[in-house]
């Protein structure tokens, strides 16, 4: 066993200090769209049981609705900006 990782009373202890996060965790709209695609592929490949399908489908529907609504809002905001700049 090394000094860095020792097992004491079924608890793993580490002598090294944890690394400080350098960046705040974040999710982009693209990340959420990718998650919806992953769910879609997993369902099509039979990764979920029939009893789980409703819950998985509900999450998929929420993700896709959020992504679509946010994309529409962003597109509307972009289309309004040139009109506001001209005024």
PDB file of N, CA and C in Angstrom:
ATOM      1  N   UNK A   1       0.837  -1.204   0.000  1.00  0.00           N
ATOM      2  CA  UNK A   1       0.000   0.000   0.000  1.00  0.00           C
ATOM      3  C   UNK A   1       0.865   1.245   0.000  1.00  0.00           C
ATOM      4  N   UNK A   2       0.413   2.252  -0.715  1.00  0.00           N
ATOM      5  CA  UNK A   2       1.170   3.497  -0.750  1.00  0.00           C
ATOM      6  C   UNK A   2       0.700   4.405   0.366  1.00  0.00           C
ATOM      7  N   UNK A   3       1.502   5.416   0.649  1.00  0.00           N
ATOM      8  CA  UNK A   3       1.118   6.382   1.669  1.00  0.00           C
ATOM      9  C   UNK A   3      -0.089   7.208   1.238  1.00  0.00           C
ATOM     10  N   UNK A   4      -0.209   7.453  -0.084  1.00  0.00           N
ATOM     11  CA  UNK A   4      -1.290   8.303  -0.572  1.00  0.00           C
ATOM     12  C   UNK A   4      -2.658   7.660  -0.346  1.00  0.00           C
ATOM     13  N   UNK A   5      -2.763   6.362  -0.562  1.00  0.00           N
ATOM     14  CA  UNK A   5      -4.040   5.679  -0.418  1.00  0.00           C
ATOM     15  C   UNK A   5      -3.905   4.540   0.580  1.00  0.00           C
ATOM     16  N   UNK A   6      -4.519   4.684   1.726  1.00  0.00           N
ATOM     17  CA  UNK A   6      -4.501   3.663   2.752  1.00  0.00           C
ATOM     18  C   UNK A   6      -5.932   3.328   3.128  1.00  0.00           C
ATOM     19  N   UNK A   7      -6.196   2.047   3.381  1.00  0.00           N
ATOM     20  CA  UNK A   7      -7.520   1.626   3.801  1.00  0.00           C
ATOM     21  C   UNK A   7      -7.487   1.468   5.308  1.00  0.00           C
ATOM     22  N   UNK A   8      -8.330   2.230   5.996  1.00  0.00           N
ATOM     23  CA  UNK A   8      -8.424   2.165   7.446  1.00  0.00           C
ATOM     24  C   UNK A   8      -9.883   1.975   7.818  1.00  0.00           C
ATOM     25  N   UNK A   9     -10.198   0.866   8.455  1.00  0.00           N
ATOM     26  CA  UNK A   9     -11.563   0.572   8.899  1.00  0.00           C
ATOM     27  C   UNK A   9     -12.577   0.705   7.766  1.00  0.00           C
ATOM     28  N   UNK A  10     -12.257   0.130   6.619  1.00  0.00           N
ATOM     29  CA  UNK A  10     -13.121   0.151   5.441  1.00  0.00           C
ATOM     30  C   UNK A  10     -13.361   1.547   4.879  1.00  0.00           C
ATOM     31  N   UNK A  11     -12.603   2.528   5.280  1.00  0.00           N
ATOM     32  CA  UNK A  11     -12.679   3.884   4.736  1.00  0.00           C
ATOM     33  C   UNK A  11     -11.382   4.171   4.006  1.00  0.00           C
ATOM     34  N   UNK A  12     -11.496   4.697   2.816  1.00  0.00           N
ATOM     35  CA  UNK A  12     -10.304   5.047   2.055  1.00  0.00           C
ATOM     36  C   UNK A  12      -9.908   6.462   2.421  1.00  0.00           C
ATOM     37  N   UNK A  13      -8.665   6.621   2.824  1.00  0.00           N
ATOM     38  CA  UNK A  13      -8.161   7.951   3.142  1.00  0.00           C
ATOM     39  C   UNK A  13      -7.070   8.308   2.148  1.00  0.00           C
ATOM     40  N   UNK A  14      -6.974   9.575   1.846  1.00  0.00           N
ATOM     41  CA  UNK A  14      -5.972  10.061   0.908  1.00  0.00           C
ATOM     42  C   UNK A  14      -5.194  11.174   1.577  1.00  0.00           C
ATOM     43  N   UNK A  15      -3.882  11.054   1.516  1.00  0.00           N
ATOM     44  CA  UNK A  15      -3.026  12.076   2.105  1.00  0.00           C
ATOM     45  C   UNK A  15      -2.942  13.315   1.235  1.00  0.00           C
ATOM     46  N   UNK A  16      -3.126  13.156  -0.063  1.00  0.00           N
ATOM     47  CA  UNK A  16      -3.018  14.284  -0.979  1.00  0.00           C
ATOM     48  C   UNK A  16      -4.258  15.163  -0.865  1.00  0.00           C
ATOM     49  N   UNK A  17      -4.065  16.465  -0.988  1.00  0.00           N
ATOM     50  CA  UNK A  17      -5.184  17.409  -0.945  1.00  0.00           C
ATOM     51  C   UNK A  17      -5.968  17.313  -2.246  1.00  0.00           C
ATOM     52  N   UNK A  18      -7.304  17.452  -2.181  1.00  0.00           N
ATOM     53  CA  UNK A  18      -8.089  17.403  -3.416  1.00  0.00           C
ATOM     54  C   UNK A  18      -7.758  18.590  -4.309  1.00  0.00           C
ATOM     55  N   UNK A  19      -7.799  18.354  -5.596  1.00  0.00           N
ATOM     56  CA  UNK A  19      -7.503  19.413  -6.550  1.00  0.00           C
ATOM     57  C   UNK A  19      -8.615  20.458  -6.533  1.00  0.00           C
ATOM     58  N   UNK A  20      -8.228  21.706  -6.535  1.00  0.00           N
ATOM     59  CA  UNK A  20      -9.207  22.792  -6.553  1.00  0.00           C
ATOM     60  C   UNK A  20      -9.805  22.896  -7.953  1.00  0.00           C
ATOM     61  N   UNK A  21     -11.117  23.034  -8.032  1.00  0.00           N
ATOM     62  CA  UNK A  21     -11.710  23.172  -9.366  1.00  0.00           C
ATOM     63  C   UNK A  21     -11.259  24.465 -10.021  1.00  0.00           C
ATOM     64  N   UNK A  22     -10.877  24.370 -11.268  1.00  0.00           N
ATOM     65  CA  UNK A  22     -10.397  25.550 -11.974  1.00  0.00           C
ATOM     66  C   UNK A  22     -11.519  26.222 -12.754  1.00  0.00           C
ATOM     67  N   UNK A  23     -12.598  25.498 -12.970  1.00  0.00           N
ATOM     68  CA  UNK A  23     -13.683  26.035 -13.783  1.00  0.00           C
ATOM     69  C   UNK A  23     -15.020  25.632 -13.175  1.00  0.00           C
ATOM     70  N   UNK A  24     -15.976  26.542 -13.217  1.00  0.00           N
ATOM     71  CA  UNK A  24     -17.314  26.239 -12.726  1.00  0.00           C
ATOM     72  C   UNK A  24     -17.981  25.235 -13.661  1.00  0.00           C
ATOM     73  N   UNK A  25     -18.641  24.229 -13.110  1.00  0.00           N
ATOM     74  CA  UNK A  25     -19.372  23.312 -13.983  1.00  0.00           C
ATOM     75  C   UNK A  25     -20.496  24.048 -14.710  1.00  0.00           C
ATOM     76  N   UNK A  26     -20.728  23.663 -15.943  1.00  0.00           N
ATOM     77  CA  UNK A  26     -21.788  24.320 -16.700  1.00  0.00           C
ATOM     78  C   UNK A  26     -22.359  23.355 -17.719  1.00  0.00           C
ATOM     79  N   UNK A  27     -23.561  23.631 -18.149  1.00  0.00           N
ATOM     80  CA  UNK A  27     -24.225  22.886 -19.212  1.00  0.00           C
ATOM     81  C   UNK A  27     -24.645  23.870 -20.278  1.00  0.00           C
ATOM     82  N   UNK A  28     -24.370  23.535 -21.505  1.00  0.00           N
ATOM     83  CA  UNK A  28     -24.809  24.385 -22.596  1.00  0.00           C
ATOM     84  C   UNK A  28     -26.069  23.790 -23.207  1.00  0.00           C
ATOM     85  N   UNK A  29     -26.704  24.568 -24.042  1.00  0.00           N
ATOM     86  CA  UNK A  29     -27.887  24.100 -24.756  1.00  0.00           C
ATOM     87  C   UNK A  29     -27.507  22.905 -25.630  1.00  0.00           C
ATOM     88  N   UNK A  30     -26.326  22.939 -26.193  1.00  0.00           N
ATOM     89  CA  UNK A  30     -25.836  21.826 -27.006  1.00  0.00           C
ATOM     90  C   UNK A  30     -25.665  20.558 -26.170  1.00  0.00           C
ATOM     91  N   UNK A  31     -25.203  20.696 -24.920  1.00  0.00           N
ATOM     92  CA  UNK A  31     -25.074  19.546 -24.022  1.00  0.00           C
ATOM     93  C   UNK A  31     -26.429  18.898 -23.772  1.00  0.00           C
ATOM     94  N   UNK A  32     -27.453  19.717 -23.556  1.00  0.00           N
ATOM     95  CA  UNK A  32     -28.792  19.194 -23.314  1.00  0.00           C
ATOM     96  C   UNK A  32     -29.359  18.512 -24.556  1.00  0.00           C
ATOM     97  N   UNK A  33     -29.098  19.080 -25.720  1.00  0.00           N
ATOM     98  CA  UNK A  33     -29.541  18.449 -26.967  1.00  0.00           C
ATOM     99  C   UNK A  33     -28.829  17.112 -27.163  1.00  0.00           C
ATOM    100  N   UNK A  34     -27.555  17.054 -26.828  1.00  0.00           N
ATOM    101  CA  UNK A  34     -26.814  15.797 -26.915  1.00  0.00           C
ATOM    102  C   UNK A  34     -27.367  14.758 -25.945  1.00  0.00           C
ATOM    103  N   UNK A  35     -27.740  15.181 -24.742  1.00  0.00           N
ATOM    104  CA  UNK A  35     -28.327  14.261 -23.767  1.00  0.00           C
ATOM    105  C   UNK A  35     -29.635  13.676 -24.297  1.00  0.00           C
ATOM    106  N   UNK A  36     -30.441  14.500 -24.944  1.00  0.00           N
ATOM    107  CA  UNK A  36     -31.689  14.011 -25.535  1.00  0.00           C
ATOM    108  C   UNK A  36     -31.391  12.995 -26.632  1.00  0.00           C
ATOM    109  N   UNK A  37     -30.368  13.247 -27.439  1.00  0.00           N
ATOM    110  CA  UNK A  37     -29.989  12.304 -28.491  1.00  0.00           C
ATOM    111  C   UNK A  37     -29.489  10.986 -27.895  1.00  0.00           C
ATOM    112  N   UNK A  38     -28.758  11.069 -26.808  1.00  0.00           N
ATOM    113  CA  UNK A  38     -28.264   9.869 -26.136  1.00  0.00           C
ATOM    114  C   UNK A  38     -29.438   9.036 -25.623  1.00  0.00           C
ATOM    115  N   UNK A  39     -30.416   9.701 -25.032  1.00  0.00           N
ATOM    116  CA  UNK A  39     -31.604   8.993 -24.553  1.00  0.00           C
ATOM    117  C   UNK A  39     -32.316   8.321 -25.717  1.00  0.00           C
ATOM    118  N   UNK A  40     -32.460   9.030 -26.823  1.00  0.00           N
ATOM    119  CA  UNK A  40     -33.134   8.484 -27.996  1.00  0.00           C
ATOM    120  C   UNK A  40     -32.424   7.230 -28.510  1.00  0.00           C
ATOM    121  N   UNK A  41     -31.105   7.277 -28.608  1.00  0.00           N
ATOM    122  CA  UNK A  41     -30.327   6.127 -29.075  1.00  0.00           C
ATOM    123  C   UNK A  41     -30.448   4.969 -28.084  1.00  0.00           C
ATOM    124  N   UNK A  42     -30.360   5.273 -26.799  1.00  0.00           N
ATOM    125  CA  UNK A  42     -30.446   4.221 -25.781  1.00  0.00           C
ATOM    126  C   UNK A  42     -31.800   3.518 -25.822  1.00  0.00           C
ATOM    127  N   UNK A  43     -32.873   4.283 -26.005  1.00  0.00           N
ATOM    128  CA  UNK A  43     -34.205   3.692 -26.099  1.00  0.00           C
ATOM    129  C   UNK A  43     -34.307   2.831 -27.352  1.00  0.00           C
ATOM    130  N   UNK A  44     -33.806   3.321 -28.463  1.00  0.00           N
ATOM    131  CA  UNK A  44     -33.907   2.558 -29.709  1.00  0.00           C
ATOM    132  C   UNK A  44     -33.099   1.263 -29.657  1.00  0.00           C
ATOM    133  N   UNK A  45     -32.089   1.220 -28.800  1.00  0.00           N
ATOM    134  CA  UNK A  45     -31.273   0.013 -28.665  1.00  0.00           C
ATOM    135  C   UNK A  45     -31.744  -0.886 -27.525  1.00  0.00           C
ATOM    136  N   UNK A  46     -32.844  -0.517 -26.892  1.00  0.00           N
ATOM    137  CA  UNK A  46     -33.405  -1.360 -25.844  1.00  0.00           C
ATOM    138  C   UNK A  46     -32.652  -1.310 -24.526  1.00  0.00           C
ATOM    139  N   UNK A  47     -32.062  -0.183 -24.200  1.00  0.00           N
ATOM    140  CA  UNK A  47     -31.276  -0.065 -22.974  1.00  0.00           C
ATOM    141  C   UNK A  47     -32.136   0.056 -21.721  1.00  0.00           C
ATOM    142  N   UNK A  48     -33.410   0.324 -21.884  1.00  0.00           N
ATOM    143  CA  UNK A  48     -34.297   0.508 -20.745  1.00  0.00           C
ATOM    144  C   UNK A  48     -35.371  -0.563 -20.745  1.00  0.00           C
ATOM    145  N   UNK A  49     -35.834  -0.920 -19.547  1.00  0.00           N
ATOM    146  CA  UNK A  49     -36.935  -1.872 -19.416  1.00  0.00           C
ATOM    147  C   UNK A  49     -38.242  -1.162 -19.736  1.00  0.00           C
ATOM    148  N   UNK A  50     -39.255  -1.967 -20.057  1.00  0.00           N
ATOM    149  CA  UNK A  50     -40.561  -1.408 -20.418  1.00  0.00           C
ATOM    150  C   UNK A  50     -41.120  -0.530 -19.301  1.00  0.00           C
ATOM    151  N   UNK A  51     -40.952  -0.929 -18.064  1.00  0.00           N
ATOM    152  CA  UNK A  51     -41.454  -0.151 -16.937  1.00  0.00           C
ATOM    153  C   UNK A  51     -40.752   1.183 -16.756  1.00  0.00           C
ATOM    154  N   UNK A  52     -39.581   1.322 -17.313  1.00  0.00           N
ATOM    155  CA  UNK A  52     -38.817   2.567 -17.216  1.00  0.00           C
ATOM    156  C   UNK A  52     -39.089   3.497 -18.384  1.00  0.00           C
ATOM    157  N   UNK A  53     -39.748   2.998 -19.406  1.00  0.00           N
ATOM    158  CA  UNK A  53     -39.935   3.766 -20.643  1.00  0.00           C
ATOM    159  C   UNK A  53     -40.683   5.066 -20.416  1.00  0.00           C
ATOM    160  N   UNK A  54     -41.689   5.051 -19.567  1.00  0.00           N
ATOM    161  CA  UNK A  54     -42.472   6.270 -19.327  1.00  0.00           C
ATOM    162  C   UNK A  54     -41.607   7.357 -18.691  1.00  0.00           C
ATOM    163  N   UNK A  55     -40.813   6.982 -17.694  1.00  0.00           N
ATOM    164  CA  UNK A  55     -39.960   7.965 -17.029  1.00  0.00           C
ATOM    165  C   UNK A  55     -38.882   8.488 -17.976  1.00  0.00           C
ATOM    166  N   UNK A  56     -38.278   7.596 -18.731  1.00  0.00           N
ATOM    167  CA  UNK A  56     -37.243   7.999 -19.680  1.00  0.00           C
ATOM    168  C   UNK A  56     -37.850   8.903 -20.744  1.00  0.00           C
ATOM    169  N   UNK A  57     -39.040   8.538 -21.226  1.00  0.00           N
ATOM    170  CA  UNK A  57     -39.719   9.352 -22.222  1.00  0.00           C
ATOM    171  C   UNK A  57     -40.072  10.729 -21.699  1.00  0.00           C
ATOM    172  N   UNK A  58     -40.472  10.804 -20.437  1.00  0.00           N
ATOM    173  CA  UNK A  58     -40.817  12.094 -19.835  1.00  0.00           C
ATOM    174  C   UNK A  58     -39.590  13.004 -19.761  1.00  0.00           C
ATOM    175  N   UNK A  59     -38.457  12.439 -19.381  1.00  0.00           N
ATOM    176  CA  UNK A  59     -37.224  13.232 -19.323  1.00  0.00           C
ATOM    177  C   UNK A  59     -36.826  13.669 -20.727  1.00  0.00           C
ATOM    178  N   UNK A  60     -36.928  12.762 -21.693  1.00  0.00           N
ATOM    179  CA  UNK A  60     -36.618  13.099 -23.080  1.00  0.00           C
ATOM    180  C   UNK A  60     -37.512  14.240 -23.565  1.00  0.00           C
ATOM    181  N   UNK A  61     -38.809  14.140 -23.286  1.00  0.00           N
ATOM    182  CA  UNK A  61     -39.747  15.188 -23.710  1.00  0.00           C
ATOM    183  C   UNK A  61     -39.426  16.524 -23.061  1.00  0.00           C
ATOM    184  N   UNK A  62     -39.066  16.521 -21.783  1.00  0.00           N
ATOM    185  CA  UNK A  62     -38.706  17.768 -21.101  1.00  0.00           C
ATOM    186  C   UNK A  62     -37.449  18.380 -21.713  1.00  0.00           C
ATOM    187  N   UNK A  63     -36.450  17.541 -21.960  1.00  0.00           N
ATOM    188  CA  UNK A  63     -35.203  18.042 -22.552  1.00  0.00           C
ATOM    189  C   UNK A  63     -35.448  18.647 -23.926  1.00  0.00           C
ATOM    190  N   UNK A  64     -36.154  17.919 -24.775  1.00  0.00           N
ATOM    191  CA  UNK A  64     -36.365  18.421 -26.131  1.00  0.00           C
ATOM    192  C   UNK A  64     -37.241  19.673 -26.134  1.00  0.00           C
ATOM    193  N   UNK A  65     -38.252  19.726 -25.269  1.00  0.00           N
ATOM    194  CA  UNK A  65     -39.103  20.915 -25.194  1.00  0.00           C
ATOM    195  C   UNK A  65     -38.290  22.120 -24.715  1.00  0.00           C
ATOM    196  N   UNK A  66     -37.424  21.912 -23.727  1.00  0.00           N
ATOM    197  CA  UNK A  66     -36.596  23.007 -23.216  1.00  0.00           C
ATOM    198  C   UNK A  66     -35.632  23.502 -24.285  1.00  0.00           C
ATOM    199  N   UNK A  67     -34.977  22.564 -24.973  1.00  0.00           N
ATOM    200  CA  UNK A  67     -34.024  22.943 -26.017  1.00  0.00           C
ATOM    201  C   UNK A  67     -34.734  23.717 -27.125  1.00  0.00           C
ATOM    202  N   UNK A  68     -35.885  23.223 -27.581  1.00  0.00           N
ATOM    203  CA  UNK A  68     -36.615  23.895 -28.655  1.00  0.00           C
ATOM    204  C   UNK A  68     -37.102  25.274 -28.229  1.00  0.00           C
ATOM    205  N   UNK A  69     -37.633  25.392 -27.021  1.00  0.00           N
ATOM    206  CA  UNK A  69     -38.121  26.685 -26.538  1.00  0.00           C
ATOM    207  C   UNK A  69     -36.975  27.684 -26.388  1.00  0.00           C
ATOM    208  N   UNK A  70     -35.855  27.216 -25.876  1.00  0.00           N
ATOM    209  CA  UNK A  70     -34.710  28.098 -25.690  1.00  0.00           C
ATOM    210  C   UNK A  70     -34.120  28.534 -27.026  1.00  0.00           C
ATOM    211  N   UNK A  71     -34.046  27.603 -27.976  1.00  0.00           N
ATOM    212  CA  UNK A  71     -33.556  27.966 -29.308  1.00  0.00           C
ATOM    213  C   UNK A  71     -34.483  28.981 -29.974  1.00  0.00           C
ATOM    214  N   UNK A  72     -35.782  28.809 -29.822  1.00  0.00           N
ATOM    215  CA  UNK A  72     -36.740  29.753 -30.402  1.00  0.00           C
ATOM    216  C   UNK A  72     -36.597  31.130 -29.748  1.00  0.00           C
ATOM    217  N   UNK A  73     -36.421  31.151 -28.438  1.00  0.00           N
ATOM    218  CA  UNK A  73     -36.254  32.422 -27.729  1.00  0.00           C
ATOM    219  C   UNK A  73     -34.963  33.119 -28.151  1.00  0.00           C
ATOM    220  N   UNK A  74     -33.901  32.339 -28.305  1.00  0.00           N
ATOM    221  CA  UNK A  74     -32.631  32.922 -28.744  1.00  0.00           C
ATOM    222  C   UNK A  74     -32.738  33.457 -30.168  1.00  0.00           C
ATOM    223  N   UNK A  75     -33.430  32.730 -31.040  1.00  0.00           N
ATOM    224  CA  UNK A  75     -33.603  33.188 -32.423  1.00  0.00           C
ATOM    225  C   UNK A  75     -34.430  34.467 -32.460  1.00  0.00           C
ATOM    226  N   UNK A  76     -35.463  34.546 -31.637  1.00  0.00           N
ATOM    227  CA  UNK A  76     -36.287  35.750 -31.586  1.00  0.00           C
ATOM    228  C   UNK A  76     -35.481  36.931 -31.063  1.00  0.00           C
ATOM    229  N   UNK A  77     -34.639  36.665 -30.065  1.00  0.00           N
ATOM    230  CA  UNK A  77     -33.820  37.740 -29.502  1.00  0.00           C
ATOM    231  C   UNK A  77     -32.810  38.243 -30.527  1.00  0.00           C
ATOM    232  N   UNK A  78     -32.232  37.319 -31.285  1.00  0.00           N
ATOM    233  CA  UNK A  78     -31.263  37.712 -32.317  1.00  0.00           C
ATOM    234  C   UNK A  78     -31.935  38.527 -33.423  1.00  0.00           C
ATOM    235  N   UNK A  79     -33.143  38.106 -33.806  1.00  0.00           N
ATOM    236  CA  UNK A  79     -33.838  38.828 -34.885  1.00  0.00           C
ATOM    237  C   UNK A  79     -34.294  40.221 -34.427  1.00  0.00           C
ATOM    238  N   UNK A  80     -34.497  40.407 -33.132  1.00  0.00           N
ATOM    239  CA  UNK A  80     -34.918  41.726 -32.626  1.00  0.00           C
ATOM    240  C   UNK A  80     -33.740  42.677 -32.504  1.00  0.00           C
ATOM    241  N   UNK A  81     -32.543  42.173 -32.291  1.00  0.00           N
ATOM    242  CA  UNK A  81     -31.378  43.037 -32.070  1.00  0.00           C
ATOM    243  C   UNK A  81     -31.073  43.950 -33.244  1.00  0.00           C
ATOM    244  N   UNK A  82     -31.048  43.486 -34.478  1.00  0.00           N
ATOM    245  CA  UNK A  82     -30.779  44.434 -35.580  1.00  0.00           C
ATOM    246  C   UNK A  82     -31.851  45.508 -35.709  1.00  0.00           C
ATOM    247  N   UNK A  83     -33.102  45.172 -35.423  1.00  0.00           N
ATOM    248  CA  UNK A  83     -34.194  46.137 -35.503  1.00  0.00           C
ATOM    249  C   UNK A  83     -34.020  47.213 -34.433  1.00  0.00           C
ATOM    250  N   UNK A  84     -33.577  46.802 -33.257  1.00  0.00           N
ATOM    251  CA  UNK A  84     -33.359  47.763 -32.176  1.00  0.00           C
ATOM    252  C   UNK A  84     -32.161  48.655 -32.477  1.00  0.00           C
ATOM    253  N   UNK A  85     -31.129  48.105 -33.104  1.00  0.00           N
ATOM    254  CA  UNK A  85     -29.935  48.887 -33.428  1.00  0.00           C
ATOM    255  C   UNK A  85     -30.240  49.938 -34.479  1.00  0.00           C
ATOM    256  N   UNK A  86     -31.141  49.642 -35.391  1.00  0.00           N
ATOM    257  CA  UNK A  86     -31.490  50.582 -36.449  1.00  0.00           C
ATOM    258  C   UNK A  86     -32.374  51.711 -35.934  1.00  0.00           C
ATOM    259  N   UNK A  87     -33.086  51.479 -34.857  1.00  0.00           N
ATOM    260  CA  UNK A  87     -34.018  52.488 -34.329  1.00  0.00           C
ATOM    261  C   UNK A  87     -33.341  53.600 -33.599  1.00  0.00           C
TER     262      UNK A  87
END
